Amino acid sequence: MKIGDYFNSLDIIPDLASLTKEDVLAELTDKLVARHTGIDREQVLRDLLERESLGSTGIGGGIAIPHAKLLHCGNPIVVFGRSTKGITFDALDGKSVNLFFLLIADANSFDLYLKLLARISRLLKDRALRSHLLEASDADALYEIIQEQDSRF
């Protein structure tokens, strides 16, 4: 299983316009629903905000992995967003977040959901990768960097 099995360069926002946690979740969700029909935008946002109320998905190191499970969404969906400015996201280390992987998975595919969360987290632990992602020029370059690193695992 590779992260790239669940998204492509069209699922990437190379320069998020948002400045707040709620706005970045909405912007990532808008990208998700624009690319994947049949998903209820408001339900996704409610589920993401509910998950955030349990504890921030900002894991530190400039990374956040907002995630939620939906009934009947089919295969997992990944959307990636980058903020060159950084966004206050209540991250565990108290620092702003630049790199966002949004993960939506079917409520009935718990194992796959956990495996994808773990894979994304492991991938982003590499500081060199995070630096390359911050320096990439566009969505295609971001996708290429993620694919290359993902193929090494």
C-alpha atoms as a PDB file:
ATOM      1  CA  MET A   1       0.000   0.000   0.000  1.00  0.00           C
ATOM      2  CA  LYS A   2       1.294   3.407  -1.033  1.00  0.00           C
ATOM      3  CA  ILE A   3      -0.050   6.868  -0.235  1.00  0.00           C
ATOM      4  CA  GLY A   4       0.012   7.594  -3.964  1.00  0.00           C
ATOM      5  CA  ASP A   5      -2.631   4.906  -4.461  1.00  0.00           C
ATOM      6  CA  TYR A   6      -5.119   7.296  -2.891  1.00  0.00           C
ATOM      7  CA  PHE A   7      -4.297  10.664  -4.450  1.00  0.00           C
ATOM      8  CA  ASN A   8      -2.536  12.387  -7.355  1.00  0.00           C
ATOM      9  CA  SER A   9      -1.215  15.840  -8.225  1.00  0.00           C
ATOM     10  CA  LEU A  10      -4.781  17.126  -8.744  1.00  0.00           C
ATOM     11  CA  ASP A  11      -5.399  16.464  -5.040  1.00  0.00           C
ATOM     12  CA  ILE A  12      -2.690  18.927  -3.994  1.00  0.00           C
ATOM     13  CA  ILE A  13      -3.006  22.572  -2.990  1.00  0.00           C
ATOM     14  CA  PRO A  14       0.539  23.943  -3.368  1.00  0.00           C
ATOM     15  CA  ASP A  15      -0.206  27.278  -1.698  1.00  0.00           C
ATOM     16  CA  LEU A  16      -3.039  27.287   0.815  1.00  0.00           C
ATOM     17  CA  ALA A  17      -4.772  30.659   1.098  1.00  0.00           C
ATOM     18  CA  SER A  18      -6.133  29.938   4.584  1.00  0.00           C
ATOM     19  CA  LEU A  19      -4.806  31.581   7.723  1.00  0.00           C
ATOM     20  CA  THR A  20      -6.738  29.707  10.427  1.00  0.00           C
ATOM     21  CA  LYS A  21      -7.252  26.095  11.425  1.00  0.00           C
ATOM     22  CA  GLU A  22     -10.939  26.118  10.502  1.00  0.00           C
ATOM     23  CA  ASP A  23     -10.262  27.774   7.159  1.00  0.00           C
ATOM     24  CA  VAL A  24      -7.525  25.311   6.196  1.00  0.00           C
ATOM     25  CA  LEU A  25      -9.839  22.401   7.017  1.00  0.00           C
ATOM     26  CA  ALA A  26     -12.506  23.994   4.814  1.00  0.00           C
ATOM     27  CA  GLU A  27     -10.036  24.640   1.980  1.00  0.00           C
ATOM     28  CA  LEU A  28      -8.762  21.058   2.046  1.00  0.00           C
ATOM     29  CA  THR A  29     -12.353  19.778   2.198  1.00  0.00           C
ATOM     30  CA  ASP A  30     -13.321  21.947  -0.777  1.00  0.00           C
ATOM     31  CA  LYS A  31     -10.519  20.355  -2.804  1.00  0.00           C
ATOM     32  CA  LEU A  32     -11.690  16.915  -1.693  1.00  0.00           C
ATOM     33  CA  VAL A  33     -15.339  17.406  -2.682  1.00  0.00           C
ATOM     34  CA  ALA A  34     -14.388  19.096  -5.970  1.00  0.00           C
ATOM     35  CA  ARG A  35     -12.472  15.987  -6.993  1.00  0.00           C
ATOM     36  CA  HIS A  36     -14.621  13.254  -5.433  1.00  0.00           C
ATOM     37  CA  THR A  37     -18.349  13.428  -6.050  1.00  0.00           C
ATOM     38  CA  GLY A  38     -20.931  12.191  -3.613  1.00  0.00           C
ATOM     39  CA  ILE A  39     -19.152  13.383  -0.488  1.00  0.00           C
ATOM     40  CA  ASP A  40     -21.054  15.744   1.791  1.00  0.00           C
ATOM     41  CA  ARG A  41     -18.845  18.787   2.419  1.00  0.00           C
ATOM     42  CA  GLU A  42     -20.626  19.800   5.609  1.00  0.00           C
ATOM     43  CA  GLN A  43     -20.426  16.279   7.040  1.00  0.00           C
ATOM     44  CA  VAL A  44     -16.693  16.123   6.342  1.00  0.00           C
ATOM     45  CA  LEU A  45     -16.137  19.481   8.028  1.00  0.00           C
ATOM     46  CA  ARG A  46     -18.227  18.481  11.048  1.00  0.00           C
ATOM     47  CA  ASP A  47     -16.289  15.228  11.391  1.00  0.00           C
ATOM     48  CA  LEU A  48     -12.919  16.957  11.031  1.00  0.00           C
ATOM     49  CA  LEU A  49     -13.800  19.618  13.596  1.00  0.00           C
ATOM     50  CA  GLU A  50     -15.145  16.969  15.952  1.00  0.00           C
ATOM     51  CA  ARG A  51     -11.880  15.049  15.615  1.00  0.00           C
ATOM     52  CA  GLU A  52      -9.897  18.240  16.275  1.00  0.00           C
ATOM     53  CA  SER A  53     -11.942  18.868  19.437  1.00  0.00           C
ATOM     54  CA  LEU A  54     -10.582  15.575  20.809  1.00  0.00           C
ATOM     55  CA  GLY A  55      -7.017  16.752  20.275  1.00  0.00           C
ATOM     56  CA  SER A  56      -5.117  18.480  17.542  1.00  0.00           C
ATOM     57  CA  THR A  57      -3.967  16.466  14.552  1.00  0.00           C
ATOM     58  CA  GLY A  58      -0.994  18.834  14.359  1.00  0.00           C
ATOM     59  CA  ILE A  59       1.686  16.293  15.243  1.00  0.00           C
ATOM     60  CA  GLY A  60       4.605  18.722  15.381  1.00  0.00           C
ATOM     61  CA  GLY A  61       7.469  19.464  13.047  1.00  0.00           C
ATOM     62  CA  GLY A  62       5.235  21.635  10.866  1.00  0.00           C
ATOM     63  CA  ILE A  63       2.894  18.720  10.079  1.00  0.00           C
ATOM     64  CA  ALA A  64      -0.829  18.097  10.540  1.00  0.00           C
ATOM     65  CA  ILE A  65      -2.794  15.049   9.486  1.00  0.00           C
ATOM     66  CA  PRO A  66      -6.469  15.947   9.868  1.00  0.00           C
ATOM     67  CA  HIS A  67      -8.565  12.835   9.391  1.00  0.00           C
ATOM     68  CA  ALA A  68     -12.070  11.469   9.652  1.00  0.00           C
ATOM     69  CA  LYS A  69     -14.085   8.360   8.891  1.00  0.00           C
ATOM     70  CA  LEU A  70     -17.265   8.578   6.830  1.00  0.00           C
ATOM     71  CA  LEU A  71     -19.945   6.029   6.145  1.00  0.00           C
ATOM     72  CA  HIS A  72     -19.949   4.728   2.581  1.00  0.00           C
ATOM     73  CA  CYS A  73     -17.139   6.888   1.193  1.00  0.00           C
ATOM     74  CA  GLY A  74     -15.487   3.964  -0.592  1.00  0.00           C
ATOM     75  CA  ASN A  75     -11.717   3.988  -0.935  1.00  0.00           C
ATOM     76  CA  PRO A  76      -9.662   6.292   1.267  1.00  0.00           C
ATOM     77  CA  ILE A  77      -9.037   9.774  -0.098  1.00  0.00           C
ATOM     78  CA  VAL A  78      -5.953  11.896   0.541  1.00  0.00           C
ATOM     79  CA  VAL A  79      -5.579  15.622  -0.101  1.00  0.00           C
ATOM     80  CA  PHE A  80      -2.290  17.419   0.485  1.00  0.00           C
ATOM     81  CA  GLY A  81      -1.923  21.124   1.169  1.00  0.00           C
ATOM     82  CA  ARG A  82       1.063  23.353   1.813  1.00  0.00           C
ATOM     83  CA  SER A  83       1.177  26.715   3.533  1.00  0.00           C
ATOM     84  CA  THR A  84       4.385  28.601   2.935  1.00  0.00           C
ATOM     85  CA  LYS A  85       3.386  31.075   5.669  1.00  0.00           C
ATOM     86  CA  GLY A  86       2.493  28.489   8.293  1.00  0.00           C
ATOM     87  CA  ILE A  87      -0.819  28.213  10.137  1.00  0.00           C
ATOM     88  CA  THR A  88      -1.477  28.103  13.860  1.00  0.00           C
ATOM     89  CA  PHE A  89      -3.016  24.661  14.300  1.00  0.00           C
ATOM     90  CA  ASP A  90      -2.613  23.890  18.013  1.00  0.00           C
ATOM     91  CA  ALA A  91       0.173  21.470  17.110  1.00  0.00           C
ATOM     92  CA  LEU A  92       1.697  19.350  19.853  1.00  0.00           C
ATOM     93  CA  ASP A  93       4.966  21.308  19.690  1.00  0.00           C
ATOM     94  CA  GLY A  94       3.175  24.676  19.674  1.00  0.00           C
ATOM     95  CA  LYS A  95       4.656  25.628  16.299  1.00  0.00           C
ATOM     96  CA  SER A  96       2.839  26.592  13.125  1.00  0.00           C
ATOM     97  CA  VAL A  97       1.994  23.993  10.489  1.00  0.00           C
ATOM     98  CA  ASN A  98       3.062  24.108   6.845  1.00  0.00           C
ATOM     99  CA  LEU A  99       2.265  20.610   5.566  1.00  0.00           C
ATOM    100  CA  PHE A 100      -1.224  19.094   5.715  1.00  0.00           C
ATOM    101  CA  PHE A 101      -2.315  15.609   4.716  1.00  0.00           C
ATOM    102  CA  LEU A 102      -6.096  15.290   4.901  1.00  0.00           C
ATOM    103  CA  LEU A 103      -7.245  11.668   5.092  1.00  0.00           C
ATOM    104  CA  ILE A 104     -10.842  10.541   4.706  1.00  0.00           C
ATOM    105  CA  ALA A 105     -11.638   6.839   4.912  1.00  0.00           C
ATOM    106  CA  ASP A 106     -14.685   4.653   5.083  1.00  0.00           C
ATOM    107  CA  ALA A 107     -15.828   4.018   8.647  1.00  0.00           C
ATOM    108  CA  ASN A 108     -15.766   0.290   7.921  1.00  0.00           C
ATOM    109  CA  SER A 109     -12.133   0.158   6.757  1.00  0.00           C
ATOM    110  CA  PHE A 110     -10.490   0.823  10.107  1.00  0.00           C
ATOM    111  CA  ASP A 111      -7.315  -1.204   9.427  1.00  0.00           C
ATOM    112  CA  LEU A 112      -6.574   0.570   6.154  1.00  0.00           C
ATOM    113  CA  TYR A 113      -7.321   3.913   7.808  1.00  0.00           C
ATOM    114  CA  LEU A 114      -4.773   3.267  10.560  1.00  0.00           C
ATOM    115  CA  LYS A 115      -2.176   1.964   8.114  1.00  0.00           C
ATOM    116  CA  LEU A 116      -2.475   5.103   5.971  1.00  0.00           C
ATOM    117  CA  LEU A 117      -2.214   7.382   9.014  1.00  0.00           C
ATOM    118  CA  ALA A 118       0.909   5.534  10.125  1.00  0.00           C
ATOM    119  CA  ARG A 119       2.430   5.611   6.645  1.00  0.00           C
ATOM    120  CA  ILE A 120       1.851   9.354   6.233  1.00  0.00           C
ATOM    121  CA  SER A 121       3.294  10.007   9.679  1.00  0.00           C
ATOM    122  CA  ARG A 122       6.360   7.857   8.990  1.00  0.00           C
ATOM    123  CA  LEU A 123       6.917   9.502   5.610  1.00  0.00           C
ATOM    124  CA  LEU A 124       6.857  13.002   7.100  1.00  0.00           C
ATOM    125  CA  LYS A 125       9.307  12.232   9.892  1.00  0.00           C
ATOM    126  CA  ASP A 126      12.086  12.755   7.343  1.00  0.00           C
ATOM    127  CA  ARG A 127      13.323  16.345   7.774  1.00  0.00           C
ATOM    128  CA  ALA A 128      14.907  16.395   4.326  1.00  0.00           C
ATOM    129  CA  LEU A 129      11.571  15.427   2.793  1.00  0.00           C
ATOM    130  CA  ARG A 130       9.789  18.209   4.668  1.00  0.00           C
ATOM    131  CA  SER A 131      12.373  20.701   3.413  1.00  0.00           C
ATOM    132  CA  HIS A 132      11.948  19.494  -0.174  1.00  0.00           C
ATOM    133  CA  LEU A 133       8.180  19.827   0.139  1.00  0.00           C
ATOM    134  CA  LEU A 134       8.518  23.399   1.383  1.00  0.00           C
ATOM    135  CA  GLU A 135      10.792  24.274  -1.551  1.00  0.00           C
ATOM    136  CA  ALA A 136       8.837  22.553  -4.344  1.00  0.00           C
ATOM    137  CA  SER A 137       7.575  24.819  -7.112  1.00  0.00           C
ATOM    138  CA  ASP A 138       4.106  23.413  -7.835  1.00  0.00           C
ATOM    139  CA  ALA A 139       1.633  20.549  -7.349  1.00  0.00           C
ATOM    140  CA  ASP A 140       3.425  18.276  -9.810  1.00  0.00           C
ATOM    141  CA  ALA A 141       6.755  18.759  -8.031  1.00  0.00           C
ATOM    142  CA  LEU A 142       5.123  18.145  -4.649  1.00  0.00           C
ATOM    143  CA  TYR A 143       3.509  14.964  -5.918  1.00  0.00           C
ATOM    144  CA  GLU A 144       6.788  13.743  -7.406  1.00  0.00           C
ATOM    145  CA  ILE A 145       8.614  14.290  -4.107  1.00  0.00           C
ATOM    146  CA  ILE A 146       5.935  12.446  -2.120  1.00  0.00           C
ATOM    147  CA  GLN A 147       5.843   9.571  -4.639  1.00  0.00           C
ATOM    148  CA  GLU A 148       9.627   9.205  -4.637  1.00  0.00           C
ATOM    149  CA  GLN A 149       9.830   9.084  -0.845  1.00  0.00           C
ATOM    150  CA  ASP A 150       6.782   6.807  -0.590  1.00  0.00           C
ATOM    151  CA  SER A 151       8.387   4.282  -2.956  1.00  0.00           C
ATOM    152  CA  ARG A 152      11.334   3.870  -0.548  1.00  0.00           C
ATOM    153  CA  PHE A 153       9.194   2.257   2.163  1.00  0.00           C
END
